Structures are given as C-alpha cells and as structure tokens.
Amino acid sequence: MTGEQMKVMRIAAGLRIGEIARHLGVHRNTVRHWESGCGKRGIPIAVVRAFELLISNIEYINYLRASRRRVRRIRGAE
C-alpha cells in the first residue's frame, strides 16, 4: 500500500489524520509522512494491516448506520 492509497482510503472513510494516528498509536506527523511519501523507511507492514482492518471496520459501522436509517424510514412510511 502506498501513502497515496492510504490517504484516499482515510478520506473516503471520513477520518482525519489525528483519528487514524490515535487508533494506530502513532503521532499524526508520522501519518502525514506516510501519506506524503516522505518517510525514509516507508509504511511498516504491521501498520498497513492495522490500517486496513480499521478502515474496513469503520466502513462496516457506516453501512450498519445507513441500514438502520433505511429501516426507520420504511417503518415510518407504514
């Protein structure tokens, strides 16, 4: 995963750099370096895996929230 892909996924999930940093246990400047490609060592594989899991969980939570809203709308129409 590249830093640009990480940034796109973070924005699509509606998260700020600080939120990602807090969940991954790093400083937000570290996340900025990864996203900009300035990091000398790149993104550690363990961080990439944790990031992917975090994003997938957030996407699932957003899906559940949207489903719940749809059910409320349908029930309200009855």
N, C-alpha and C. Protein backbone atom coordinates (compact mmCIF):
# COMPACT_ATOMS: atom_id res chain seq x y z
N MET A 1 0.85 -1.17 0.00
CA MET A 1 0.00 0.00 0.00
C MET A 1 0.90 1.23 0.00
N THR A 2 0.54 2.18 -0.84
CA THR A 2 1.29 3.43 -0.88
C THR A 2 0.64 4.45 0.05
N GLY A 3 1.37 5.51 0.33
CA GLY A 3 0.84 6.57 1.16
C GLY A 3 -0.35 7.24 0.53
N GLU A 4 -0.33 7.37 -0.80
CA GLU A 4 -1.46 7.99 -1.50
C GLU A 4 -2.72 7.14 -1.37
N GLN A 5 -2.57 5.82 -1.46
CA GLN A 5 -3.72 4.94 -1.28
C GLN A 5 -4.26 5.04 0.14
N MET A 6 -3.34 5.14 1.10
CA MET A 6 -3.74 5.29 2.49
C MET A 6 -4.55 6.56 2.68
N LYS A 7 -4.11 7.64 2.06
CA LYS A 7 -4.80 8.92 2.17
C LYS A 7 -6.19 8.85 1.56
N VAL A 8 -6.29 8.25 0.39
CA VAL A 8 -7.59 8.12 -0.29
C VAL A 8 -8.56 7.31 0.55
N MET A 9 -8.09 6.21 1.13
CA MET A 9 -8.94 5.37 1.97
C MET A 9 -9.38 6.10 3.23
N ARG A 10 -8.45 6.86 3.82
CA ARG A 10 -8.77 7.62 5.04
C ARG A 10 -9.84 8.66 4.75
N ILE A 11 -9.69 9.38 3.66
CA ILE A 11 -10.66 10.42 3.31
C ILE A 11 -12.01 9.80 2.97
N ALA A 12 -12.00 8.69 2.24
CA ALA A 12 -13.25 8.01 1.89
C ALA A 12 -14.00 7.53 3.13
N ALA A 13 -13.25 7.16 4.17
CA ALA A 13 -13.88 6.70 5.42
C ALA A 13 -14.31 7.88 6.30
N GLY A 14 -13.94 9.09 5.89
CA GLY A 14 -14.34 10.28 6.64
C GLY A 14 -13.54 10.50 7.90
N LEU A 15 -12.28 10.08 7.90
CA LEU A 15 -11.43 10.21 9.08
C LEU A 15 -10.37 11.29 8.89
N ARG A 16 -10.00 11.90 10.00
CA ARG A 16 -8.91 12.88 9.98
C ARG A 16 -7.60 12.17 10.32
N ILE A 17 -6.51 12.85 9.98
CA ILE A 17 -5.18 12.27 10.25
C ILE A 17 -5.01 11.96 11.74
N GLY A 18 -5.47 12.86 12.59
CA GLY A 18 -5.34 12.65 14.03
C GLY A 18 -6.09 11.43 14.53
N GLU A 19 -7.25 11.16 13.93
CA GLU A 19 -8.03 9.98 14.34
C GLU A 19 -7.30 8.69 13.96
N ILE A 20 -6.77 8.66 12.74
CA ILE A 20 -6.01 7.48 12.31
C ILE A 20 -4.79 7.29 13.20
N ALA A 21 -4.08 8.38 13.47
CA ALA A 21 -2.88 8.31 14.30
C ALA A 21 -3.21 7.76 15.68
N ARG A 22 -4.31 8.23 16.27
CA ARG A 22 -4.69 7.77 17.61
C ARG A 22 -4.99 6.27 17.60
N HIS A 23 -5.72 5.81 16.59
CA HIS A 23 -6.07 4.39 16.52
C HIS A 23 -4.84 3.51 16.26
N LEU A 24 -3.88 4.04 15.51
CA LEU A 24 -2.68 3.25 15.20
C LEU A 24 -1.58 3.41 16.25
N GLY A 25 -1.77 4.36 17.15
CA GLY A 25 -0.78 4.55 18.22
C GLY A 25 0.48 5.26 17.78
N VAL A 26 0.34 6.15 16.80
CA VAL A 26 1.49 6.93 16.34
C VAL A 26 1.12 8.42 16.36
N HIS A 27 2.11 9.27 16.15
CA HIS A 27 1.87 10.71 16.09
C HIS A 27 1.28 11.07 14.73
N ARG A 28 0.47 12.12 14.69
CA ARG A 28 -0.17 12.49 13.42
C ARG A 28 0.85 12.91 12.37
N ASN A 29 2.00 13.43 12.80
CA ASN A 29 3.05 13.77 11.83
C ASN A 29 3.59 12.52 11.14
N THR A 30 3.60 11.41 11.85
CA THR A 30 4.03 10.14 11.26
C THR A 30 3.09 9.74 10.13
N VAL A 31 1.78 9.87 10.38
CA VAL A 31 0.79 9.54 9.35
C VAL A 31 0.95 10.48 8.16
N ARG A 32 1.17 11.76 8.43
CA ARG A 32 1.40 12.73 7.34
C ARG A 32 2.60 12.32 6.48
N HIS A 33 3.67 11.89 7.13
CA HIS A 33 4.86 11.47 6.39
C HIS A 33 4.55 10.25 5.53
N TRP A 34 3.82 9.30 6.08
CA TRP A 34 3.46 8.12 5.29
C TRP A 34 2.64 8.51 4.08
N GLU A 35 1.65 9.37 4.29
CA GLU A 35 0.75 9.75 3.20
C GLU A 35 1.47 10.56 2.12
N SER A 36 2.43 11.37 2.52
CA SER A 36 3.14 12.20 1.55
C SER A 36 4.31 11.48 0.89
N GLY A 37 4.66 10.33 1.42
CA GLY A 37 5.78 9.56 0.87
C GLY A 37 7.13 10.05 1.33
N CYS A 38 7.16 10.91 2.35
CA CYS A 38 8.43 11.47 2.85
C CYS A 38 9.16 10.54 3.80
N GLY A 39 8.49 9.53 4.28
CA GLY A 39 9.12 8.62 5.24
C GLY A 39 10.29 7.89 4.60
N LYS A 40 11.40 7.81 5.31
CA LYS A 40 12.59 7.16 4.77
C LYS A 40 12.41 5.66 4.67
N ARG A 41 11.68 5.08 5.62
CA ARG A 41 11.55 3.62 5.68
C ARG A 41 10.24 3.11 5.09
N GLY A 42 9.36 3.99 4.68
CA GLY A 42 8.08 3.55 4.17
C GLY A 42 7.11 3.21 5.29
N ILE A 43 6.02 2.58 4.94
CA ILE A 43 5.00 2.24 5.92
C ILE A 43 5.22 0.79 6.36
N PRO A 44 5.42 0.56 7.67
CA PRO A 44 5.61 -0.82 8.14
C PRO A 44 4.40 -1.70 7.82
N ILE A 45 4.65 -2.94 7.47
CA ILE A 45 3.59 -3.86 7.06
C ILE A 45 2.55 -4.07 8.16
N ALA A 46 2.97 -4.08 9.41
CA ALA A 46 2.01 -4.25 10.52
C ALA A 46 1.06 -3.06 10.58
N VAL A 47 1.57 -1.88 10.29
CA VAL A 47 0.71 -0.68 10.28
C VAL A 47 -0.26 -0.74 9.11
N VAL A 48 0.20 -1.21 7.98
CA VAL A 48 -0.68 -1.33 6.81
C VAL A 48 -1.84 -2.27 7.13
N ARG A 49 -1.54 -3.40 7.74
CA ARG A 49 -2.59 -4.37 8.09
C ARG A 49 -3.56 -3.78 9.10
N ALA A 50 -3.03 -3.11 10.13
CA ALA A 50 -3.89 -2.49 11.14
C ALA A 50 -4.75 -1.40 10.52
N PHE A 51 -4.19 -0.62 9.61
CA PHE A 51 -4.93 0.43 8.93
C PHE A 51 -6.07 -0.16 8.10
N GLU A 52 -5.77 -1.22 7.36
CA GLU A 52 -6.81 -1.88 6.54
C GLU A 52 -7.94 -2.41 7.41
N LEU A 53 -7.62 -3.02 8.54
CA LEU A 53 -8.65 -3.51 9.45
C LEU A 53 -9.48 -2.37 10.02
N LEU A 54 -8.82 -1.31 10.40
CA LEU A 54 -9.51 -0.15 10.95
C LEU A 54 -10.48 0.43 9.93
N ILE A 55 -10.02 0.62 8.71
CA ILE A 55 -10.87 1.19 7.67
C ILE A 55 -12.05 0.27 7.37
N SER A 56 -11.81 -1.04 7.28
CA SER A 56 -12.91 -1.96 6.99
C SER A 56 -13.94 -1.97 8.11
N ASN A 57 -13.48 -1.87 9.37
CA ASN A 57 -14.42 -1.80 10.48
C ASN A 57 -15.25 -0.52 10.44
N ILE A 58 -14.63 0.58 10.12
CA ILE A 58 -15.34 1.85 10.04
C ILE A 58 -16.35 1.82 8.90
N GLU A 59 -15.96 1.26 7.76
CA GLU A 59 -16.89 1.15 6.63
C GLU A 59 -18.08 0.26 7.01
N TYR A 60 -17.84 -0.81 7.76
CA TYR A 60 -18.92 -1.69 8.18
C TYR A 60 -19.86 -0.97 9.15
N ILE A 61 -19.30 -0.20 10.07
CA ILE A 61 -20.12 0.56 11.01
C ILE A 61 -20.97 1.58 10.25
N ASN A 62 -20.38 2.27 9.28
CA ASN A 62 -21.14 3.22 8.48
C ASN A 62 -22.26 2.53 7.69
N TYR A 63 -21.98 1.32 7.19
CA TYR A 63 -23.00 0.55 6.48
C TYR A 63 -24.16 0.21 7.41
N LEU A 64 -23.84 -0.22 8.64
CA LEU A 64 -24.89 -0.56 9.60
C LEU A 64 -25.73 0.67 9.96
N ARG A 65 -25.08 1.80 10.12
CA ARG A 65 -25.82 3.03 10.43
C ARG A 65 -26.75 3.41 9.29
N ALA A 66 -26.28 3.30 8.06
CA ALA A 66 -27.12 3.62 6.90
C ALA A 66 -28.29 2.65 6.80
N SER A 67 -28.06 1.37 7.09
CA SER A 67 -29.13 0.37 7.06
C SER A 67 -30.18 0.68 8.10
N ARG A 68 -29.74 1.09 9.27
CA ARG A 68 -30.66 1.42 10.35
C ARG A 68 -31.54 2.61 9.97
N ARG A 69 -30.93 3.60 9.30
CA ARG A 69 -31.71 4.76 8.85
C ARG A 69 -32.76 4.36 7.82
N ARG A 70 -32.39 3.44 6.91
CA ARG A 70 -33.34 2.98 5.90
C ARG A 70 -34.52 2.26 6.55
N VAL A 71 -34.23 1.44 7.55
CA VAL A 71 -35.30 0.70 8.24
C VAL A 71 -36.23 1.69 8.94
N ARG A 72 -35.68 2.70 9.56
CA ARG A 72 -36.53 3.70 10.23
C ARG A 72 -37.42 4.42 9.23
N ARG A 73 -36.86 4.75 8.06
CA ARG A 73 -37.65 5.44 7.04
C ARG A 73 -38.79 4.55 6.55
N ILE A 74 -38.49 3.25 6.36
CA ILE A 74 -39.51 2.32 5.87
C ILE A 74 -40.61 2.15 6.94
N ARG A 75 -40.20 1.99 8.17
CA ARG A 75 -41.18 1.83 9.25
C ARG A 75 -42.02 3.07 9.43
N GLY A 76 -41.44 4.24 9.22
CA GLY A 76 -42.16 5.49 9.36
C GLY A 76 -43.20 5.67 8.25
N ALA A 77 -42.98 5.03 7.11
CA ALA A 77 -43.89 5.16 5.98
C ALA A 77 -45.11 4.26 6.14
N GLU A 78 -45.03 3.27 7.00
CA GLU A 78 -46.13 2.32 7.17
C GLU A 78 -47.28 2.91 7.94
